[in-house]
């Protein structure tokens, strides 16, 4: 199988690559910067283009996309928080994932605050733990005949997912299976 030779990283190609990436994926500014810088590095390695000029062009493209509203870390953080909370991701793990994507702490805090407002009176961490328990069939979602024997294992699964012991205990020790909004059936 022949290896594909990367094309030179020209400003037009970098912009086209950035737009194509944003069409397919939601991305933070830092994530898109990394994607484009990989192209710049490959172009410098194969074609001898100037990596500093490429980095300057990447910065200009990122600024341009941000000014046009196509690249916004706050919106990205809100979308990721909503998606990850629905999947049952703890706040601790969520913060780590977003920081890894280069999202600033103030954007993360704002997104978590917005998610907490949407949760209303319910504890957002409890709801996330409940979502994880539902997905993984832990605690009240487990076969009642195996539930008592698997309690410690279920608690450990929630602890590994980043939930504190009180939240894990609250979910695992529910007497009845909760419905989708977290209330008891």
N, C-alpha and C. Protein backbone atom coordinates (compact mmCIF):
# COMPACT_ATOMS: atom_id res chain seq x y z
N UNK A 1 0.84 -1.18 0.00
CA UNK A 1 0.00 0.00 0.00
C UNK A 1 0.89 1.24 0.00
N UNK A 2 0.65 2.13 -0.91
CA UNK A 2 1.45 3.35 -1.01
C UNK A 2 1.02 4.36 0.03
N UNK A 3 1.99 5.05 0.61
CA UNK A 3 1.69 6.10 1.57
C UNK A 3 1.32 7.38 0.85
N UNK A 4 0.36 8.06 1.39
CA UNK A 4 -0.07 9.31 0.79
C UNK A 4 0.88 10.42 1.23
N UNK A 5 1.34 11.20 0.29
CA UNK A 5 2.24 12.31 0.59
C UNK A 5 1.37 13.53 0.90
N UNK A 6 1.58 14.15 2.07
CA UNK A 6 0.76 15.32 2.40
C UNK A 6 1.05 16.48 1.46
N UNK A 7 0.04 17.25 1.19
CA UNK A 7 0.20 18.43 0.36
C UNK A 7 0.79 19.56 1.19
N UNK A 8 1.42 20.51 0.55
CA UNK A 8 1.97 21.65 1.30
C UNK A 8 0.86 22.39 2.06
N UNK A 9 1.17 22.83 3.26
CA UNK A 9 0.18 23.51 4.10
C UNK A 9 0.12 24.99 3.72
N UNK A 10 -0.66 25.29 2.71
CA UNK A 10 -0.85 26.67 2.29
C UNK A 10 -2.01 27.26 3.10
N UNK A 11 -2.11 28.58 3.16
CA UNK A 11 -3.22 29.19 3.91
C UNK A 11 -4.60 28.71 3.43
N UNK A 12 -4.78 28.59 2.14
CA UNK A 12 -6.06 28.12 1.60
C UNK A 12 -6.36 26.68 2.01
N UNK A 13 -5.36 25.83 1.94
CA UNK A 13 -5.56 24.43 2.32
C UNK A 13 -5.82 24.30 3.82
N UNK A 14 -5.13 25.10 4.62
CA UNK A 14 -5.35 25.06 6.07
C UNK A 14 -6.77 25.51 6.42
N UNK A 15 -7.23 26.56 5.77
CA UNK A 15 -8.60 27.03 6.01
C UNK A 15 -9.61 25.98 5.58
N UNK A 16 -9.39 25.40 4.44
CA UNK A 16 -10.30 24.35 3.94
C UNK A 16 -10.31 23.15 4.90
N UNK A 17 -9.14 22.77 5.41
CA UNK A 17 -9.05 21.66 6.36
C UNK A 17 -9.78 22.01 7.66
N UNK A 18 -9.63 23.26 8.11
CA UNK A 18 -10.30 23.69 9.36
C UNK A 18 -11.81 23.63 9.20
N UNK A 19 -12.31 24.14 8.08
CA UNK A 19 -13.75 24.13 7.84
C UNK A 19 -14.28 22.70 7.71
N UNK A 20 -13.53 21.85 7.03
CA UNK A 20 -13.95 20.45 6.88
C UNK A 20 -13.99 19.76 8.24
N UNK A 21 -13.01 20.05 9.08
CA UNK A 21 -12.99 19.45 10.42
C UNK A 21 -14.18 19.92 11.24
N UNK A 22 -14.47 21.21 11.18
CA UNK A 22 -15.60 21.75 11.96
C UNK A 22 -16.95 21.28 11.43
N UNK A 23 -17.02 20.91 10.16
CA UNK A 23 -18.25 20.33 9.63
C UNK A 23 -18.52 18.97 10.26
N UNK A 24 -17.47 18.23 10.53
CA UNK A 24 -17.61 16.87 11.04
C UNK A 24 -17.64 16.79 12.56
N UNK A 25 -16.89 17.67 13.23
CA UNK A 25 -16.73 17.55 14.67
C UNK A 25 -16.93 18.88 15.37
N UNK A 26 -17.47 18.82 16.58
CA UNK A 26 -17.45 19.99 17.45
C UNK A 26 -16.03 20.05 18.00
N UNK A 27 -15.45 21.22 18.05
CA UNK A 27 -14.05 21.31 18.46
C UNK A 27 -13.80 22.57 19.27
N UNK A 28 -12.89 22.44 20.21
CA UNK A 28 -12.40 23.61 20.93
C UNK A 28 -11.32 24.27 20.08
N UNK A 29 -10.99 25.46 20.43
CA UNK A 29 -9.94 26.19 19.72
C UNK A 29 -8.63 25.42 19.77
N UNK A 30 -8.29 24.88 20.93
CA UNK A 30 -7.03 24.16 21.08
C UNK A 30 -7.01 22.87 20.26
N UNK A 31 -8.13 22.17 20.22
CA UNK A 31 -8.21 20.94 19.43
C UNK A 31 -7.99 21.23 17.96
N UNK A 32 -8.66 22.25 17.44
CA UNK A 32 -8.49 22.60 16.03
C UNK A 32 -7.06 23.07 15.75
N UNK A 33 -6.48 23.79 16.70
CA UNK A 33 -5.10 24.23 16.54
C UNK A 33 -4.17 23.02 16.41
N UNK A 34 -4.38 22.01 17.25
CA UNK A 34 -3.55 20.79 17.19
C UNK A 34 -3.70 20.08 15.85
N UNK A 35 -4.94 19.98 15.36
CA UNK A 35 -5.20 19.32 14.08
C UNK A 35 -4.46 20.04 12.96
N UNK A 36 -4.58 21.36 12.94
CA UNK A 36 -3.94 22.13 11.87
C UNK A 36 -2.42 22.11 12.01
N UNK A 37 -1.91 22.14 13.22
CA UNK A 37 -0.46 22.12 13.42
C UNK A 37 0.15 20.78 13.01
N UNK A 38 -0.61 19.70 13.09
CA UNK A 38 -0.12 18.42 12.57
C UNK A 38 0.09 18.50 11.07
N UNK A 39 -0.83 19.18 10.38
CA UNK A 39 -0.68 19.38 8.93
C UNK A 39 0.53 20.25 8.62
N UNK A 40 0.72 21.29 9.42
CA UNK A 40 1.87 22.18 9.22
C UNK A 40 3.17 21.41 9.44
N UNK A 41 3.21 20.58 10.48
CA UNK A 41 4.42 19.80 10.77
C UNK A 41 4.70 18.80 9.65
N UNK A 42 3.66 18.14 9.15
CA UNK A 42 3.85 17.19 8.05
C UNK A 42 4.33 17.90 6.80
N UNK A 43 3.80 19.07 6.54
CA UNK A 43 4.21 19.83 5.37
C UNK A 43 5.67 20.28 5.51
N UNK A 44 6.06 20.69 6.69
CA UNK A 44 7.44 21.11 6.92
C UNK A 44 8.40 19.94 6.76
N UNK A 45 7.98 18.79 7.23
CA UNK A 45 8.83 17.59 7.16
C UNK A 45 9.00 17.11 5.72
N UNK A 46 7.92 17.11 4.95
CA UNK A 46 7.95 16.56 3.59
C UNK A 46 8.37 17.60 2.55
N UNK A 47 7.84 18.82 2.67
CA UNK A 47 8.06 19.82 1.64
C UNK A 47 9.03 20.92 2.04
N UNK A 48 9.46 20.93 3.29
CA UNK A 48 10.39 21.95 3.75
C UNK A 48 9.76 23.33 3.93
N UNK A 49 8.45 23.37 4.11
CA UNK A 49 7.80 24.67 4.35
C UNK A 49 8.17 25.18 5.73
N UNK A 50 7.98 26.46 5.95
CA UNK A 50 8.37 27.10 7.21
C UNK A 50 7.32 26.83 8.29
N UNK A 51 7.68 26.10 9.37
CA UNK A 51 6.70 25.80 10.41
C UNK A 51 6.23 27.04 11.18
N UNK A 52 7.10 28.04 11.33
CA UNK A 52 6.69 29.25 12.04
C UNK A 52 5.66 30.04 11.23
N UNK A 53 5.86 30.10 9.94
CA UNK A 53 4.87 30.77 9.08
C UNK A 53 3.55 30.01 9.12
N UNK A 54 3.64 28.69 9.14
CA UNK A 54 2.43 27.86 9.23
C UNK A 54 1.71 28.08 10.55
N UNK A 55 2.48 28.18 11.64
CA UNK A 55 1.87 28.41 12.95
C UNK A 55 1.19 29.78 12.99
N UNK A 56 1.80 30.78 12.37
CA UNK A 56 1.19 32.11 12.31
C UNK A 56 -0.11 32.07 11.50
N UNK A 57 -0.10 31.31 10.42
CA UNK A 57 -1.30 31.19 9.59
C UNK A 57 -2.41 30.46 10.35
N UNK A 58 -2.03 29.42 11.11
CA UNK A 58 -3.01 28.70 11.92
C UNK A 58 -3.64 29.64 12.93
N UNK A 59 -2.83 30.46 13.60
CA UNK A 59 -3.36 31.42 14.58
C UNK A 59 -4.32 32.40 13.91
N UNK A 60 -3.98 32.86 12.71
CA UNK A 60 -4.85 33.79 11.99
C UNK A 60 -6.17 33.12 11.60
N UNK A 61 -6.10 31.87 11.18
CA UNK A 61 -7.32 31.12 10.81
C UNK A 61 -8.20 30.93 12.04
N UNK A 62 -7.61 30.58 13.17
CA UNK A 62 -8.39 30.38 14.40
C UNK A 62 -9.07 31.68 14.81
N UNK A 63 -8.35 32.79 14.73
CA UNK A 63 -8.94 34.09 15.07
C UNK A 63 -10.09 34.43 14.13
N UNK A 64 -9.89 34.15 12.85
CA UNK A 64 -10.93 34.43 11.85
C UNK A 64 -12.18 33.59 12.10
N UNK A 65 -12.00 32.30 12.38
CA UNK A 65 -13.14 31.43 12.64
C UNK A 65 -13.86 31.83 13.93
N UNK A 66 -13.09 32.23 14.94
CA UNK A 66 -13.70 32.69 16.19
C UNK A 66 -14.49 33.97 15.96
N UNK A 67 -13.96 34.88 15.18
CA UNK A 67 -14.66 36.14 14.90
C UNK A 67 -15.95 35.89 14.13
N UNK A 68 -15.96 34.86 13.31
CA UNK A 68 -17.16 34.52 12.53
C UNK A 68 -18.15 33.69 13.35
N UNK A 69 -17.77 33.31 14.57
CA UNK A 69 -18.66 32.53 15.41
C UNK A 69 -18.64 31.04 15.13
N UNK A 70 -17.70 30.58 14.31
CA UNK A 70 -17.62 29.16 13.99
C UNK A 70 -16.81 28.37 15.00
N UNK A 71 -16.08 29.07 15.84
CA UNK A 71 -15.20 28.43 16.82
C UNK A 71 -15.37 29.16 18.14
N UNK A 72 -16.08 28.53 19.09
CA UNK A 72 -16.38 29.18 20.36
C UNK A 72 -16.25 28.16 21.49
N UNK A 73 -15.24 28.35 22.33
CA UNK A 73 -15.00 27.40 23.42
C UNK A 73 -16.14 27.35 24.42
N UNK A 74 -16.82 28.46 24.65
CA UNK A 74 -17.94 28.47 25.61
C UNK A 74 -19.08 27.58 25.10
N UNK A 75 -19.43 27.73 23.84
CA UNK A 75 -20.49 26.92 23.25
C UNK A 75 -20.07 25.45 23.20
N UNK A 76 -18.82 25.21 22.86
CA UNK A 76 -18.30 23.84 22.83
C UNK A 76 -18.41 23.22 24.22
N UNK A 77 -18.01 23.97 25.26
CA UNK A 77 -18.06 23.45 26.63
C UNK A 77 -19.50 23.13 27.04
N UNK A 78 -20.44 24.00 26.69
CA UNK A 78 -21.84 23.75 27.05
C UNK A 78 -22.36 22.48 26.37
N UNK A 79 -22.02 22.30 25.11
CA UNK A 79 -22.46 21.10 24.41
C UNK A 79 -21.85 19.83 24.98
N UNK A 80 -20.55 19.89 25.28
CA UNK A 80 -19.88 18.70 25.84
C UNK A 80 -20.39 18.39 27.24
N UNK A 81 -20.62 19.41 28.06
CA UNK A 81 -21.15 19.18 29.41
C UNK A 81 -22.51 18.49 29.31
N UNK A 82 -23.38 18.99 28.45
CA UNK A 82 -24.70 18.38 28.32
C UNK A 82 -24.60 16.93 27.85
N UNK A 83 -23.79 16.68 26.85
CA UNK A 83 -23.66 15.32 26.32
C UNK A 83 -23.04 14.38 27.34
N UNK A 84 -21.99 14.83 28.00
CA UNK A 84 -21.30 13.96 28.96
C UNK A 84 -22.13 13.72 30.21
N UNK A 85 -22.86 14.72 30.66
CA UNK A 85 -23.73 14.53 31.83
C UNK A 85 -24.83 13.53 31.51
N UNK A 86 -25.40 13.60 30.31
CA UNK A 86 -26.42 12.62 29.93
C UNK A 86 -25.85 11.21 29.90
N UNK A 87 -24.58 11.09 29.56
CA UNK A 87 -23.93 9.77 29.54
C UNK A 87 -23.56 9.30 30.93
N UNK A 88 -23.58 10.20 31.92
CA UNK A 88 -23.27 9.80 33.29
C UNK A 88 -21.84 10.08 33.69
N UNK A 89 -21.25 11.15 33.18
CA UNK A 89 -19.87 11.49 33.51
C UNK A 89 -19.88 12.43 34.71
N UNK A 90 -19.03 12.13 35.68
CA UNK A 90 -18.94 12.95 36.89
C UNK A 90 -18.31 14.30 36.58
N UNK A 91 -18.53 15.25 37.49
CA UNK A 91 -17.95 16.58 37.29
C UNK A 91 -16.43 16.51 37.25
N UNK A 92 -15.85 15.71 38.11
CA UNK A 92 -14.39 15.58 38.15
C UNK A 92 -13.83 15.11 36.81
N UNK A 93 -14.40 14.06 36.26
CA UNK A 93 -13.94 13.52 34.98
C UNK A 93 -14.26 14.48 33.83
N UNK A 94 -15.41 15.12 33.92
CA UNK A 94 -15.80 16.08 32.90
C UNK A 94 -14.79 17.23 32.82
N UNK A 95 -14.38 17.75 33.98
CA UNK A 95 -13.39 18.83 34.00
C UNK A 95 -12.08 18.37 33.36
N UNK A 96 -11.66 17.16 33.67
CA UNK A 96 -10.42 16.63 33.09
C UNK A 96 -10.52 16.52 31.57
N UNK A 97 -11.64 16.02 31.08
CA UNK A 97 -11.82 15.86 29.64
C UNK A 97 -11.80 17.22 28.92
N UNK A 98 -12.47 18.20 29.49
CA UNK A 98 -12.52 19.51 28.85
C UNK A 98 -11.18 20.24 28.94
N UNK A 99 -10.49 20.10 30.06
CA UNK A 99 -9.16 20.71 30.16
C UNK A 99 -8.21 20.08 29.15
N UNK A 100 -8.35 18.77 28.93
CA UNK A 100 -7.53 18.09 27.95
C UNK A 100 -7.77 18.63 26.54
N UNK A 101 -8.97 19.12 26.30
CA UNK A 101 -9.31 19.71 24.99
C UNK A 101 -8.92 21.19 24.93
N UNK A 102 -8.32 21.71 26.00
CA UNK A 102 -7.85 23.09 26.00
C UNK A 102 -8.90 24.12 26.36
N UNK A 103 -10.00 23.69 26.97
CA UNK A 103 -11.06 24.63 27.35
C UNK A 103 -10.68 25.27 28.69
N UNK A 104 -10.83 26.58 28.77
CA UNK A 104 -10.48 27.32 29.98
C UNK A 104 -11.45 27.00 31.11
N UNK A 105 -10.95 27.10 32.35
CA UNK A 105 -11.77 26.78 33.52
C UNK A 105 -13.01 27.66 33.62
N UNK A 106 -12.92 28.93 33.23
CA UNK A 106 -14.11 29.79 33.33
C UNK A 106 -15.20 29.33 32.38
N UNK A 107 -14.85 28.81 31.22
CA UNK A 107 -15.85 28.27 30.29
C UNK A 107 -16.46 26.98 30.86
N UNK A 108 -15.62 26.17 31.49
CA UNK A 108 -16.12 24.93 32.11
C UNK A 108 -17.07 25.26 33.24
N UNK A 109 -16.69 26.21 34.10
CA UNK A 109 -17.54 26.60 35.22
C UNK A 109 -18.89 27.14 34.73
N UNK A 110 -18.84 27.97 33.69
CA UNK A 110 -20.09 28.53 33.15
C UNK A 110 -20.98 27.42 32.59
N UNK A 111 -20.39 26.47 31.89
CA UNK A 111 -21.18 25.37 31.31
C UNK A 111 -21.77 24.49 32.41
N UNK A 112 -21.00 24.22 33.45
CA UNK A 112 -21.52 23.42 34.56
C UNK A 112 -22.62 24.17 35.30
N UNK A 113 -22.46 25.49 35.44
CA UNK A 113 -23.49 26.30 36.07
C UNK A 113 -24.78 26.29 35.28
N UNK A 114 -24.65 26.38 33.98
CA UNK A 114 -25.85 26.34 33.12
C UNK A 114 -26.53 24.98 33.22
N UNK A 115 -25.74 23.91 33.25
CA UNK A 115 -26.31 22.57 33.37
C UNK A 115 -27.02 22.42 34.71
N UNK A 116 -26.44 22.98 35.78
CA UNK A 116 -27.06 22.91 37.10
C UNK A 116 -28.39 23.68 37.12
N UNK A 117 -28.43 24.82 36.43
CA UNK A 117 -29.68 25.58 36.33
C UNK A 117 -30.75 24.76 35.62
N UNK A 118 -30.36 24.07 34.55
CA UNK A 118 -31.31 23.26 33.79
C UNK A 118 -31.81 22.07 34.61
N UNK A 119 -30.96 21.58 35.54
CA UNK A 119 -31.35 20.44 36.37
C UNK A 119 -32.39 20.84 37.41
N UNK A 120 -32.50 22.15 37.68
CA UNK A 120 -33.49 22.63 38.64
C UNK A 120 -33.09 22.27 40.07
N UNK A 121 -34.04 21.68 40.80
CA UNK A 121 -33.80 21.35 42.21
C UNK A 121 -32.97 20.09 42.38
N UNK A 122 -32.86 19.29 41.32
CA UNK A 122 -32.12 18.04 41.42
C UNK A 122 -30.62 18.30 41.42
N UNK A 123 -29.89 17.46 42.14
CA UNK A 123 -28.43 17.53 42.20
C UNK A 123 -27.88 17.01 40.86
N UNK A 124 -27.16 17.85 40.10
CA UNK A 124 -26.68 17.39 38.79
C UNK A 124 -25.71 16.21 38.88
N UNK A 125 -24.93 16.15 39.95
CA UNK A 125 -24.00 15.03 40.12
C UNK A 125 -24.76 13.73 40.36
N UNK A 126 -25.83 13.81 41.14
CA UNK A 126 -26.68 12.65 41.40
C UNK A 126 -27.34 12.18 40.10
N UNK A 127 -27.85 13.13 39.31
CA UNK A 127 -28.49 12.75 38.04
C UNK A 127 -27.49 12.09 37.09
N UNK A 128 -26.26 12.61 37.06
CA UNK A 128 -25.24 11.99 36.20
C UNK A 128 -24.91 10.58 36.68
N UNK A 129 -24.79 10.40 38.00
CA UNK A 129 -24.52 9.07 38.55
C UNK A 129 -25.67 8.12 38.24
N UNK A 130 -26.88 8.63 38.31
CA UNK A 130 -28.06 7.82 37.98
C UNK A 130 -28.05 7.42 36.51
N UNK A 131 -27.65 8.35 35.64
CA UNK A 131 -27.55 8.03 34.21
C UNK A 131 -26.50 6.95 33.95
N UNK A 132 -25.36 7.06 34.64
CA UNK A 132 -24.33 6.03 34.48
C UNK A 132 -24.82 4.68 34.99
N UNK A 133 -25.48 4.69 36.13
CA UNK A 133 -26.01 3.43 36.69
C UNK A 133 -27.01 2.81 35.72
N UNK A 134 -27.83 3.62 35.08
CA UNK A 134 -28.80 3.11 34.11
C UNK A 134 -28.08 2.50 32.91
N UNK A 135 -27.08 3.23 32.40
CA UNK A 135 -26.34 2.75 31.22
C UNK A 135 -25.60 1.45 31.51
N UNK A 136 -25.01 1.36 32.71
CA UNK A 136 -24.19 0.20 33.04
C UNK A 136 -24.97 -0.87 33.81
N UNK A 137 -26.25 -0.62 34.06
CA UNK A 137 -27.12 -1.54 34.80
C UNK A 137 -26.55 -1.84 36.19
N UNK A 138 -26.32 -0.77 36.93
CA UNK A 138 -25.80 -0.87 38.29
C UNK A 138 -26.92 -0.60 39.29
N UNK A 139 -26.74 -1.07 40.51
CA UNK A 139 -27.66 -0.76 41.60
C UNK A 139 -29.10 -1.09 41.27
N UNK A 140 -29.98 -0.08 41.30
CA UNK A 140 -31.40 -0.34 41.10
C UNK A 140 -31.75 -0.82 39.69
N UNK A 141 -30.83 -0.73 38.77
CA UNK A 141 -31.08 -1.18 37.39
C UNK A 141 -30.60 -2.61 37.16
N UNK A 142 -30.02 -3.21 38.18
CA UNK A 142 -29.49 -4.57 38.11
C UNK A 142 -30.60 -5.56 38.43
N UNK A 143 -30.42 -6.80 38.01
CA UNK A 143 -31.33 -7.90 38.36
C UNK A 143 -31.45 -7.95 39.88
N UNK A 144 -32.67 -7.87 40.43
CA UNK A 144 -32.83 -7.85 41.89
C UNK A 144 -32.20 -9.03 42.61
N UNK A 145 -32.12 -10.18 41.97
CA UNK A 145 -31.53 -11.37 42.60
C UNK A 145 -30.03 -11.20 42.81
N UNK A 146 -29.36 -10.40 41.99
CA UNK A 146 -27.91 -10.22 42.08
C UNK A 146 -27.51 -8.91 42.74
N UNK A 147 -28.48 -8.08 43.04
CA UNK A 147 -28.19 -6.72 43.48
C UNK A 147 -27.36 -6.66 44.76
N UNK A 148 -27.75 -7.39 45.79
CA UNK A 148 -27.04 -7.34 47.07
C UNK A 148 -25.61 -7.85 46.93
N UNK A 149 -25.43 -8.92 46.17
CA UNK A 149 -24.10 -9.50 46.00
C UNK A 149 -23.17 -8.59 45.20
N UNK A 150 -23.73 -7.73 44.39
CA UNK A 150 -22.92 -6.87 43.51
C UNK A 150 -22.81 -5.43 44.03
N UNK A 151 -23.30 -5.16 45.23
CA UNK A 151 -23.33 -3.80 45.75
C UNK A 151 -21.94 -3.16 45.79
N UNK A 152 -20.97 -3.87 46.36
CA UNK A 152 -19.63 -3.30 46.46
C UNK A 152 -19.02 -3.06 45.09
N UNK A 153 -19.25 -3.96 44.18
CA UNK A 153 -18.73 -3.80 42.82
C UNK A 153 -19.38 -2.60 42.13
N UNK A 154 -20.68 -2.41 42.34
CA UNK A 154 -21.37 -1.27 41.75
C UNK A 154 -20.87 0.04 42.36
N UNK A 155 -20.65 0.06 43.67
CA UNK A 155 -20.11 1.25 44.33
C UNK A 155 -18.73 1.58 43.75
N UNK A 156 -17.92 0.56 43.56
CA UNK A 156 -16.57 0.77 43.01
C UNK A 156 -16.63 1.31 41.59
N UNK A 157 -17.59 0.84 40.81
CA UNK A 157 -17.73 1.33 39.43
C UNK A 157 -18.05 2.83 39.43
N UNK A 158 -18.92 3.26 40.31
CA UNK A 158 -19.25 4.69 40.39
C UNK A 158 -18.06 5.49 40.93
N UNK A 159 -17.33 4.93 41.86
CA UNK A 159 -16.15 5.62 42.41
C UNK A 159 -15.09 5.78 41.32
N UNK A 160 -14.86 4.75 40.52
CA UNK A 160 -13.88 4.86 39.43
C UNK A 160 -14.31 5.88 38.38
N UNK A 161 -15.61 6.09 38.27
CA UNK A 161 -16.13 7.07 37.31
C UNK A 161 -16.03 8.49 37.88
N UNK A 162 -15.54 8.64 39.11
CA UNK A 162 -15.30 9.96 39.67
C UNK A 162 -16.37 10.47 40.62
N UNK A 163 -17.34 9.65 40.98
CA UNK A 163 -18.39 10.09 41.89
C UNK A 163 -17.96 9.87 43.34
N UNK A 164 -18.36 10.81 44.19
CA UNK A 164 -18.00 10.70 45.61
C UNK A 164 -18.80 9.57 46.25
N UNK A 165 -18.32 9.05 47.39
CA UNK A 165 -18.99 7.90 48.03
C UNK A 165 -20.45 8.17 48.40
N UNK A 166 -20.77 9.37 48.84
CA UNK A 166 -22.15 9.65 49.22
C UNK A 166 -23.09 9.59 48.03
N UNK A 167 -22.67 10.15 46.91
CA UNK A 167 -23.50 10.10 45.70
C UNK A 167 -23.64 8.66 45.21
N UNK A 168 -22.52 7.93 45.21
CA UNK A 168 -22.58 6.53 44.78
C UNK A 168 -23.51 5.72 45.67
N UNK A 169 -23.40 5.91 46.96
CA UNK A 169 -24.25 5.18 47.92
C UNK A 169 -25.73 5.54 47.70
N UNK A 170 -25.99 6.81 47.47
CA UNK A 170 -27.36 7.28 47.26
C UNK A 170 -27.99 6.61 46.04
N UNK A 171 -27.21 6.43 44.97
CA UNK A 171 -27.72 5.80 43.76
C UNK A 171 -27.85 4.29 43.93
N UNK A 172 -26.81 3.66 44.42
CA UNK A 172 -26.78 2.20 44.53
C UNK A 172 -27.82 1.68 45.51
N UNK A 173 -28.09 2.44 46.57
CA UNK A 173 -29.01 1.98 47.61
C UNK A 173 -30.46 2.40 47.39
N UNK A 174 -30.78 2.93 46.20
CA UNK A 174 -32.18 3.26 45.92
C UNK A 174 -33.03 2.00 46.04
N UNK A 175 -34.19 2.13 46.65
CA UNK A 175 -35.06 0.98 46.85
C UNK A 175 -35.80 0.57 45.61
N UNK A 176 -36.15 1.53 44.77
CA UNK A 176 -36.92 1.24 43.57
C UNK A 176 -36.17 1.75 42.35
N UNK A 177 -36.55 1.25 41.20
CA UNK A 177 -35.92 1.71 39.97
C UNK A 177 -36.47 3.09 39.62
N UNK A 178 -35.58 4.09 39.50
CA UNK A 178 -36.06 5.43 39.13
C UNK A 178 -36.42 5.49 37.65
N UNK A 179 -37.33 6.41 37.31
CA UNK A 179 -37.65 6.58 35.90
C UNK A 179 -36.63 7.55 35.28
N UNK A 180 -36.84 7.96 34.05
CA UNK A 180 -35.84 8.73 33.31
C UNK A 180 -35.54 10.09 33.91
N UNK A 181 -36.47 10.73 34.61
CA UNK A 181 -36.19 12.05 35.16
C UNK A 181 -35.61 11.99 36.56
N UNK A 182 -35.33 10.79 37.08
CA UNK A 182 -34.69 10.65 38.38
C UNK A 182 -35.65 10.43 39.53
N UNK A 183 -36.96 10.59 39.31
CA UNK A 183 -37.90 10.34 40.39
C UNK A 183 -38.23 8.85 40.43
N UNK A 184 -38.76 8.42 41.55
CA UNK A 184 -39.08 6.99 41.70
C UNK A 184 -40.40 6.66 41.03
N UNK A 185 -40.46 5.48 40.45
CA UNK A 185 -41.68 5.03 39.78
C UNK A 185 -42.69 4.59 40.80
